Amino acid sequence: MTFCSGPGQSFLFMMFQPYLLEEFQLSRWSFALIYGAGSFCSAILVSVVGRITDRVGVRLSLAVAAVLMSLACVGMMTASGVVSLSLALAVLRALGQGTMMLLCSLLMAQWYSQRRGRAMSIASMGLATSSAVMPALCLLLIDHFGWRVSYGILGLMLLFLLGTAAGLIVRNRPEDIDQHVDGIEPDSQLENQLDAADNDAQPAGPSSQLDRRVWTSPRFWVLVSALASAPFVITALVFHQVSIFAEKGIEDDVAAGVMVVFAIAAACANLLSGGLIDRFGVRKVLRASLLLQILALLLVQVLSPGPMVVVYILVLGLANGSASVLMGVTWVRFYGRDGLGKVQGSAGTVVLTAAALAPMLPGAVKDITGSFSMGLWLCILVPITGLLFLIRELPEK
């Protein structure tokens, strides 16, 4: 699922961008508006998909999403004008960026408890693999067949991989096939331990009920504010990276080359953070991720050509990798497995909206002041707020 989210992710759209601009006579600003609208569609749809998945399960949701993503690729291939292009792009963005990542984390939540963090770490590597493999694959396809046929081939690939997964591999819950979470049969003592781990806290008492409110729950807003910080900060920094580096006297080729360091650091953080979550809990790792974001925003203020660039990108990559795993495991730790789609889908709406809005603040400040500095100082308030929210203990079961 995470690998096949590639056609809806920024790293693949950017490979097709020059051809789309030329074919449809679009300015970069016009394309940015279309792309931003697609990102907001993703933010809205993910909440709806979460609630539907609670009712029908991941398996059926994945099968439907596979067909729709494939049709969206066909829509890109056959687009004849800006309207049809915008619709196809919005569907790809909504299903790839939002839905695939949501369905993956919901499935991991149903099947794993003791090893959930490590399982999500491995699953998240699919996105890193996609970012490494799919751009090169698309360049090869475009060189041989053109950009339109390339989208058709991507659609067939998605239908085959995701359709096979939904039909032959995915099962909604281990109980559906007489298994148990992590493959362990529940005797009473072990089952209680797993339930406690699922809630990342001690139960408040035998008569307490798990609070499943979303938009009106203080606990939801504490968690989502902390989790939305990484998409906001990292998107803002990466989106403007070339311009920020130029302001600091750093060449464009360096800005592109250090992304290899970013990918490696993110992959390492992916693998490490899952085990750390399993051992120390969500809150400690989430605080560490917020501190990494603050450190990255401090480093970018004093950035200069040389080793400092590598240090900055390393910290940014570590923040990104840890955040992607936290997105997948936090909500089930505090809300349990039942009705998780409603909670996580609603959180996805907030998180993806933060990512869509992220480039605007530093960009607007740059236009007004001629420098990114003040905008980046304002961005640092987001992770600081997340840390302050996490000081007090959260409402628990």
Protein backbone atom coordinates (compact mmCIF):
# COMPACT_ATOMS: atom_id res chain seq x y z
CA MET A 1 0.00 0.00 0.00
CA THR A 2 2.71 2.49 0.94
CA PHE A 3 4.72 1.63 -2.19
CA CYS A 4 1.67 2.05 -4.42
CA SER A 5 0.88 5.44 -2.91
CA GLY A 6 3.68 6.77 -5.18
CA PRO A 7 1.46 8.01 -8.07
CA GLY A 8 -0.32 10.28 -5.58
CA GLN A 9 2.84 11.61 -3.92
CA SER A 10 4.76 14.79 -4.71
CA PHE A 11 7.93 13.01 -5.80
CA LEU A 12 6.12 11.37 -8.73
CA PHE A 13 3.95 14.30 -9.79
CA MET A 14 7.08 16.39 -10.10
CA MET A 15 8.47 13.95 -12.69
CA PHE A 16 5.48 14.62 -14.93
CA GLN A 17 5.21 18.35 -14.18
CA PRO A 18 7.27 19.67 -17.17
CA TYR A 19 5.21 17.61 -19.62
CA LEU A 20 1.91 18.69 -18.06
CA LEU A 21 2.90 22.37 -18.14
CA GLU A 22 3.82 22.13 -21.81
CA GLU A 23 0.87 20.00 -22.90
CA PHE A 24 -1.82 22.10 -21.19
CA GLN A 25 -0.08 25.49 -21.44
CA LEU A 26 -0.12 25.99 -17.68
CA SER A 27 1.96 28.41 -15.66
CA ARG A 28 3.72 27.09 -12.57
CA TRP A 29 1.36 29.14 -10.42
CA SER A 30 -1.70 27.59 -12.12
CA PHE A 31 -0.31 24.10 -11.64
CA ALA A 32 0.42 24.89 -8.00
CA LEU A 33 -3.23 25.90 -7.50
CA ILE A 34 -4.45 22.68 -9.11
CA TYR A 35 -2.03 20.66 -7.02
CA GLY A 36 -3.04 22.45 -3.84
CA ALA A 37 -6.71 21.80 -4.56
CA GLY A 38 -5.91 18.12 -4.98
CA SER A 39 -4.12 18.12 -1.62
CA PHE A 40 -7.20 19.61 0.07
CA CYS A 41 -9.34 16.91 -1.58
CA SER A 42 -7.02 14.36 0.01
CA ALA A 43 -7.47 16.00 3.41
CA ILE A 44 -11.27 15.91 3.14
CA LEU A 45 -11.58 12.41 1.67
CA VAL A 46 -9.38 10.67 4.23
CA SER A 47 -11.88 11.39 7.02
CA VAL A 48 -14.71 9.89 4.95
CA VAL A 49 -12.65 6.84 4.02
CA GLY A 50 -11.82 6.22 7.67
CA ARG A 51 -15.49 6.05 8.64
CA ILE A 52 -16.36 3.83 5.66
CA THR A 53 -13.50 1.47 6.47
CA ASP A 54 -14.85 1.07 10.01
CA ARG A 55 -18.00 -0.37 8.43
CA VAL A 56 -16.71 -2.42 5.48
CA GLY A 57 -13.13 -3.23 6.48
CA VAL A 58 -9.73 -2.54 4.90
CA ARG A 59 -10.03 -5.33 2.32
CA LEU A 60 -13.04 -3.93 0.46
CA SER A 61 -11.84 -0.33 0.86
CA LEU A 62 -8.50 -1.30 -0.67
CA ALA A 63 -10.14 -3.06 -3.62
CA VAL A 64 -12.30 -0.01 -4.40
CA ALA A 65 -9.34 2.36 -3.98
CA ALA A 66 -7.23 0.20 -6.33
CA VAL A 67 -9.83 0.45 -9.08
CA LEU A 68 -10.31 4.20 -8.59
CA MET A 69 -6.56 4.91 -8.56
CA SER A 70 -6.15 2.92 -11.76
CA LEU A 71 -9.01 4.82 -13.39
CA ALA A 72 -7.43 8.10 -12.25
CA CYS A 73 -4.21 7.10 -14.04
CA VAL A 74 -6.27 6.42 -17.14
CA GLY A 75 -7.87 9.84 -16.62
CA MET A 76 -4.42 11.45 -16.59
CA MET A 77 -3.54 9.53 -19.75
CA THR A 78 -6.66 10.67 -21.62
CA ALA A 79 -7.02 14.21 -20.17
CA SER A 80 -7.91 16.66 -22.91
CA GLY A 81 -8.17 19.89 -20.94
CA VAL A 82 -7.48 21.57 -17.63
CA VAL A 83 -10.77 20.41 -16.06
CA SER A 84 -10.26 16.71 -16.80
CA LEU A 85 -6.62 16.99 -15.76
CA SER A 86 -7.59 18.62 -12.46
CA LEU A 87 -10.18 15.94 -11.66
CA ALA A 88 -7.78 13.07 -12.39
CA LEU A 89 -4.98 14.73 -10.42
CA ALA A 90 -7.28 15.36 -7.44
CA VAL A 91 -8.37 11.70 -7.35
CA LEU A 92 -4.78 10.46 -7.54
CA ARG A 93 -3.70 12.87 -4.83
CA ALA A 94 -6.62 11.98 -2.57
CA LEU A 95 -6.24 8.21 -2.91
CA GLY A 96 -2.45 8.03 -3.05
CA GLN A 97 -1.36 10.60 -0.50
CA GLY A 98 -4.21 10.07 1.95
CA THR A 99 -6.16 6.85 1.53
CA MET A 100 -3.32 4.36 0.93
CA MET A 101 -1.37 5.54 3.96
CA LEU A 102 -4.52 5.48 6.10
CA LEU A 103 -5.51 1.95 5.04
CA CYS A 104 -1.99 0.70 5.71
CA SER A 105 -1.92 2.05 9.26
CA LEU A 106 -5.45 0.75 9.97
CA LEU A 107 -4.44 -2.73 8.83
CA MET A 108 -1.27 -2.68 10.96
CA ALA A 109 -3.37 -1.59 13.94
CA GLN A 110 -5.70 -4.57 13.58
CA TRP A 111 -2.96 -7.20 13.29
CA TYR A 112 -0.21 -6.04 15.65
CA SER A 113 0.03 -4.97 19.26
CA GLN A 114 3.27 -6.03 20.96
CA ARG A 115 5.24 -5.43 17.76
CA ARG A 116 3.07 -2.73 16.22
CA GLY A 117 5.78 -0.08 16.13
CA ARG A 118 8.25 -2.36 14.38
CA ALA A 119 5.59 -3.58 11.94
CA MET A 120 4.70 0.00 11.01
CA SER A 121 8.40 0.82 10.61
CA ILE A 122 8.77 -1.93 8.01
CA ALA A 123 5.53 -0.97 6.28
CA SER A 124 6.68 2.65 6.05
CA MET A 125 9.76 1.52 4.12
CA GLY A 126 7.43 0.96 1.15
CA LEU A 127 7.15 4.72 0.73
CA ALA A 128 10.92 5.17 0.87
CA THR A 129 11.31 2.41 -1.72
CA SER A 130 8.69 4.04 -3.90
CA SER A 131 10.47 7.40 -3.76
CA ALA A 132 13.68 5.69 -4.87
CA VAL A 133 12.25 3.38 -7.56
CA MET A 134 9.23 5.07 -9.13
CA PRO A 135 10.83 8.32 -10.35
CA ALA A 136 13.51 6.34 -12.21
CA LEU A 137 10.88 3.96 -13.57
CA CYS A 138 8.75 6.86 -14.81
CA LEU A 139 11.71 8.52 -16.52
CA LEU A 140 12.39 5.25 -18.34
CA LEU A 141 8.74 4.88 -19.35
CA ILE A 142 8.44 8.49 -20.49
CA ASP A 143 11.59 8.20 -22.61
CA HIS A 144 10.22 5.12 -24.38
CA PHE A 145 6.44 5.68 -24.49
CA GLY A 146 5.71 9.31 -23.61
CA TRP A 147 4.03 10.67 -20.50
CA ARG A 148 0.47 9.65 -21.40
CA VAL A 149 1.19 5.96 -22.00
CA SER A 150 3.37 5.99 -18.88
CA TYR A 151 0.34 6.91 -16.78
CA GLY A 152 -1.59 4.04 -18.37
CA ILE A 153 1.17 1.61 -17.43
CA LEU A 154 1.16 2.95 -13.87
CA GLY A 155 -2.59 2.35 -13.72
CA LEU A 156 -2.16 -1.29 -14.76
CA MET A 157 0.60 -1.75 -12.20
CA LEU A 158 -1.58 -0.33 -9.41
CA LEU A 159 -4.54 -2.50 -10.39
CA PHE A 160 -2.38 -5.65 -10.43
CA LEU A 161 -0.48 -5.03 -7.17
CA LEU A 162 -3.31 -3.61 -5.07
CA GLY A 163 -5.96 -5.88 -6.57
CA THR A 164 -3.84 -8.93 -5.81
CA ALA A 165 -3.24 -7.70 -2.27
CA ALA A 166 -6.95 -7.08 -1.63
CA GLY A 167 -8.09 -10.34 -3.19
CA LEU A 168 -5.46 -12.82 -2.01
CA ILE A 169 -3.58 -11.39 0.97
CA VAL A 170 -5.46 -8.84 3.05
CA ARG A 171 -7.81 -9.93 5.82
CA ASN A 172 -9.46 -7.27 7.94
CA ARG A 173 -8.77 -8.70 11.39
CA PRO A 174 -6.97 -11.77 12.70
CA GLU A 175 -10.21 -12.87 14.36
CA ASP A 176 -11.74 -13.29 10.90
CA ILE A 177 -9.52 -16.33 10.31
CA ASP A 178 -9.37 -17.59 13.92
CA GLN A 179 -6.06 -15.93 14.73
CA HIS A 180 -5.14 -13.35 17.32
CA VAL A 181 -3.16 -10.13 17.44
CA ASP A 182 0.57 -10.85 16.97
CA GLY A 183 -0.36 -14.53 16.58
CA ILE A 184 -0.65 -15.02 20.34
CA GLU A 185 -3.65 -16.88 21.74
CA PRO A 186 -5.23 -14.84 24.52
CA ASP A 187 -5.13 -16.26 27.99
CA SER A 188 -6.52 -13.79 30.49
CA GLN A 189 -3.22 -12.43 31.82
CA LEU A 190 -1.57 -11.90 28.42
CA GLU A 191 -4.70 -10.40 26.91
CA ASN A 192 -4.83 -7.79 29.66
CA GLN A 193 -1.20 -6.89 28.97
CA LEU A 194 -1.95 -6.42 25.27
CA ASP A 195 -4.98 -4.26 26.03
CA ALA A 196 -2.89 -2.04 28.30
CA ALA A 197 -0.22 -1.70 25.61
CA ASP A 198 -2.89 -0.76 23.06
CA ASN A 199 -3.93 2.22 25.17
CA ASP A 200 -0.38 3.35 26.04
CA ALA A 201 -1.67 3.99 29.54
CA GLN A 202 -3.16 2.46 32.65
CA PRO A 203 -6.97 2.13 32.67
CA ALA A 204 -8.71 4.73 34.76
CA GLY A 205 -11.00 2.18 36.40
CA PRO A 206 -13.33 -0.72 35.71
CA SER A 207 -16.33 1.48 35.00
CA SER A 208 -14.60 3.97 32.71
CA GLN A 209 -15.51 4.13 29.04
CA LEU A 210 -13.07 4.94 26.26
CA ASP A 211 -13.76 8.47 25.03
CA ARG A 212 -14.26 8.22 21.26
CA ARG A 213 -15.16 11.83 20.62
CA VAL A 214 -13.05 13.41 17.92
CA TRP A 215 -13.61 17.07 17.05
CA THR A 216 -14.76 17.96 20.59
CA SER A 217 -12.17 15.91 22.48
CA PRO A 218 -9.23 17.75 24.13
CA ARG A 219 -7.15 14.58 23.89
CA PHE A 220 -7.69 14.39 20.12
CA TRP A 221 -6.51 17.98 19.63
CA VAL A 222 -3.47 17.49 21.85
CA LEU A 223 -2.36 14.49 19.81
CA VAL A 224 -3.26 15.85 16.36
CA SER A 225 -1.53 19.17 17.07
CA ALA A 226 1.69 17.34 17.90
CA LEU A 227 1.40 14.96 14.93
CA ALA A 228 0.53 17.71 12.42
CA SER A 229 3.72 19.56 13.29
CA ALA A 230 6.03 17.32 11.23
CA PRO A 231 4.06 17.54 7.94
CA PHE A 232 3.83 21.31 8.40
CA VAL A 233 7.51 21.91 9.22
CA ILE A 234 9.03 19.40 6.81
CA THR A 235 6.77 20.36 3.89
CA ALA A 236 7.56 24.06 4.40
CA LEU A 237 11.32 23.41 4.50
CA VAL A 238 11.48 20.94 1.61
CA PHE A 239 9.10 22.92 -0.63
CA HIS A 240 11.25 26.05 -0.32
CA GLN A 241 14.58 24.26 0.00
CA VAL A 242 16.18 25.47 -3.23
CA SER A 243 15.21 29.09 -2.50
CA ILE A 244 16.31 28.88 1.15
CA PHE A 245 19.65 27.41 0.12
CA ALA A 246 20.12 30.14 -2.50
CA GLU A 247 19.48 32.78 0.16
CA LYS A 248 22.24 31.17 2.23
CA GLY A 249 24.69 31.08 -0.71
CA ILE A 250 24.34 27.33 -1.31
CA GLU A 251 24.28 26.05 -4.91
CA ASP A 252 21.22 24.42 -6.49
CA ASP A 253 23.03 21.14 -7.17
CA VAL A 254 23.84 20.86 -3.46
CA ALA A 255 20.16 21.37 -2.60
CA ALA A 256 19.26 18.43 -4.86
CA GLY A 257 22.21 16.21 -3.93
CA VAL A 258 21.69 16.29 -0.17
CA MET A 259 18.25 14.72 -0.58
CA VAL A 260 20.09 11.39 -0.73
CA VAL A 261 21.18 12.07 2.86
CA PHE A 262 17.59 13.00 3.70
CA ALA A 263 16.27 9.69 2.31
CA ILE A 264 18.88 7.61 4.14
CA ALA A 265 18.27 9.40 7.44
CA ALA A 266 14.50 9.00 7.06
CA ALA A 267 14.87 5.27 6.33
CA CYS A 268 17.07 4.79 9.40
CA ALA A 269 14.59 6.68 11.58
CA ASN A 270 11.78 4.55 10.14
CA LEU A 271 13.49 1.36 11.27
CA LEU A 272 14.60 2.64 14.69
CA SER A 273 11.53 4.55 15.83
CA GLY A 274 9.18 1.57 15.70
CA GLY A 275 11.25 -0.39 18.21
CA LEU A 276 11.60 2.71 20.39
CA ILE A 277 7.82 3.18 20.39
CA ASP A 278 7.30 -0.45 21.39
CA ARG A 279 9.77 -0.03 24.25
CA PHE A 280 9.21 3.51 25.53
CA GLY A 281 5.70 4.39 24.31
CA VAL A 282 4.35 6.98 21.87
CA ARG A 283 4.69 10.12 23.95
CA LYS A 284 8.45 9.93 24.50
CA VAL A 285 9.19 9.27 20.82
CA LEU A 286 6.73 11.99 19.76
CA ARG A 287 8.50 14.49 22.02
CA ALA A 288 11.85 13.48 20.51
CA SER A 289 10.45 13.98 17.00
CA LEU A 290 9.23 17.47 17.93
CA LEU A 291 12.67 18.33 19.33
CA LEU A 292 14.26 17.23 16.04
CA GLN A 293 11.91 19.56 14.15
CA ILE A 294 12.86 22.46 16.42
CA LEU A 295 16.55 21.67 15.93
CA ALA A 296 16.11 21.60 12.13
CA LEU A 297 14.41 25.03 12.19
CA LEU A 298 17.23 26.42 14.34
CA LEU A 299 19.92 24.96 12.08
CA VAL A 300 18.34 26.39 8.91
CA GLN A 301 18.64 29.90 10.41
CA VAL A 302 22.44 29.59 10.68
CA LEU A 303 22.92 27.48 7.54
CA SER A 304 26.10 28.07 5.52
CA PRO A 305 27.91 26.21 2.72
CA GLY A 306 29.83 23.18 3.95
CA PRO A 307 29.26 20.40 6.50
CA MET A 308 26.46 22.33 8.21
CA VAL A 309 24.20 21.53 5.24
CA VAL A 310 24.66 17.79 5.76
CA VAL A 311 23.98 18.10 9.50
CA TYR A 312 20.79 20.06 8.83
CA ILE A 313 19.49 17.58 6.24
CA LEU A 314 20.37 14.66 8.51
CA VAL A 315 18.29 16.12 11.34
CA LEU A 316 15.41 16.91 8.96
CA GLY A 317 15.45 13.34 7.60
CA LEU A 318 15.41 11.85 11.10
CA ALA A 319 12.42 14.03 11.99
CA ASN A 320 10.58 12.94 8.85
CA GLY A 321 11.23 9.23 9.32
CA SER A 322 10.16 9.14 12.96
CA ALA A 323 7.00 11.15 12.21
CA SER A 324 5.83 8.75 9.50
CA VAL A 325 5.86 5.82 11.94
CA LEU A 326 4.19 7.85 14.69
CA MET A 327 1.34 8.69 12.31
CA GLY A 328 0.63 4.99 11.94
CA VAL A 329 0.69 3.86 15.58
CA THR A 330 -0.37 6.78 17.80
CA TRP A 331 -4.13 6.62 17.41
CA VAL A 332 -4.56 2.91 18.08
CA ARG A 333 -2.42 3.29 21.21
CA PHE A 334 -4.87 5.77 22.68
CA TYR A 335 -8.18 4.68 21.13
CA GLY A 336 -7.88 0.93 20.57
CA ARG A 337 -8.78 -1.01 17.44
CA ASP A 338 -12.58 -0.63 17.31
CA GLY A 339 -13.84 2.39 15.37
CA LEU A 340 -10.26 3.46 14.65
CA GLY A 341 -11.02 4.64 11.11
CA LYS A 342 -13.22 7.49 12.37
CA VAL A 343 -10.49 8.75 14.69
CA GLN A 344 -7.53 8.30 12.37
CA GLY A 345 -9.40 9.57 9.32
CA SER A 346 -10.37 12.75 11.16
CA ALA A 347 -6.77 13.19 12.27
CA GLY A 348 -5.64 12.69 8.67
CA THR A 349 -7.84 15.60 7.60
CA VAL A 350 -6.05 17.93 10.02
CA VAL A 351 -2.57 16.59 9.24
CA LEU A 352 -2.96 16.77 5.46
CA THR A 353 -4.47 20.25 5.68
CA ALA A 354 -1.40 21.34 7.66
CA ALA A 355 0.82 19.93 4.91
CA ALA A 356 -1.19 21.72 2.21
CA LEU A 357 -0.96 25.08 4.04
CA ALA A 358 2.70 24.72 5.08
CA PRO A 359 4.42 26.43 2.11
CA MET A 360 2.20 29.52 2.35
CA LEU A 361 3.55 31.04 5.60
CA PRO A 362 7.27 31.21 4.75
CA GLY A 363 6.41 32.05 1.13
CA ALA A 364 4.21 34.99 2.13
CA VAL A 365 6.79 36.31 4.59
CA LYS A 366 9.48 36.02 1.91
CA ASP A 367 7.36 38.14 -0.45
CA ILE A 368 6.82 40.78 2.22
CA THR A 369 10.27 40.97 3.83
CA GLY A 370 12.54 39.61 1.11
CA SER A 371 13.83 36.87 3.43
CA PHE A 372 12.65 33.48 4.71
CA SER A 373 14.06 34.10 8.19
CA MET A 374 11.00 35.56 9.93
CA GLY A 375 8.67 33.00 8.36
CA LEU A 376 10.85 30.12 9.59
CA TRP A 377 10.98 31.64 13.08
CA LEU A 378 7.17 31.66 13.05
CA CYS A 379 7.15 28.00 11.92
CA ILE A 380 9.08 27.02 15.06
CA LEU A 381 6.01 27.91 17.13
CA VAL A 382 4.23 24.83 15.76
CA PRO A 383 6.50 22.11 17.26
CA ILE A 384 6.95 24.18 20.44
CA THR A 385 3.16 24.23 20.84
CA GLY A 386 3.08 20.46 20.33
CA LEU A 387 5.68 19.99 23.07
CA LEU A 388 3.75 22.22 25.47
CA PHE A 389 0.57 20.26 24.86
CA LEU A 390 2.38 17.01 25.69
CA ILE A 391 3.67 18.24 29.05
CA ARG A 392 0.52 17.22 30.90
CA GLU A 393 -0.81 13.71 30.92
CA LEU A 394 -3.57 12.96 28.42
CA PRO A 395 -7.11 11.88 29.32
CA GLU A 396 -6.96 8.12 29.46
CA LYS A 397 -9.20 5.09 29.45
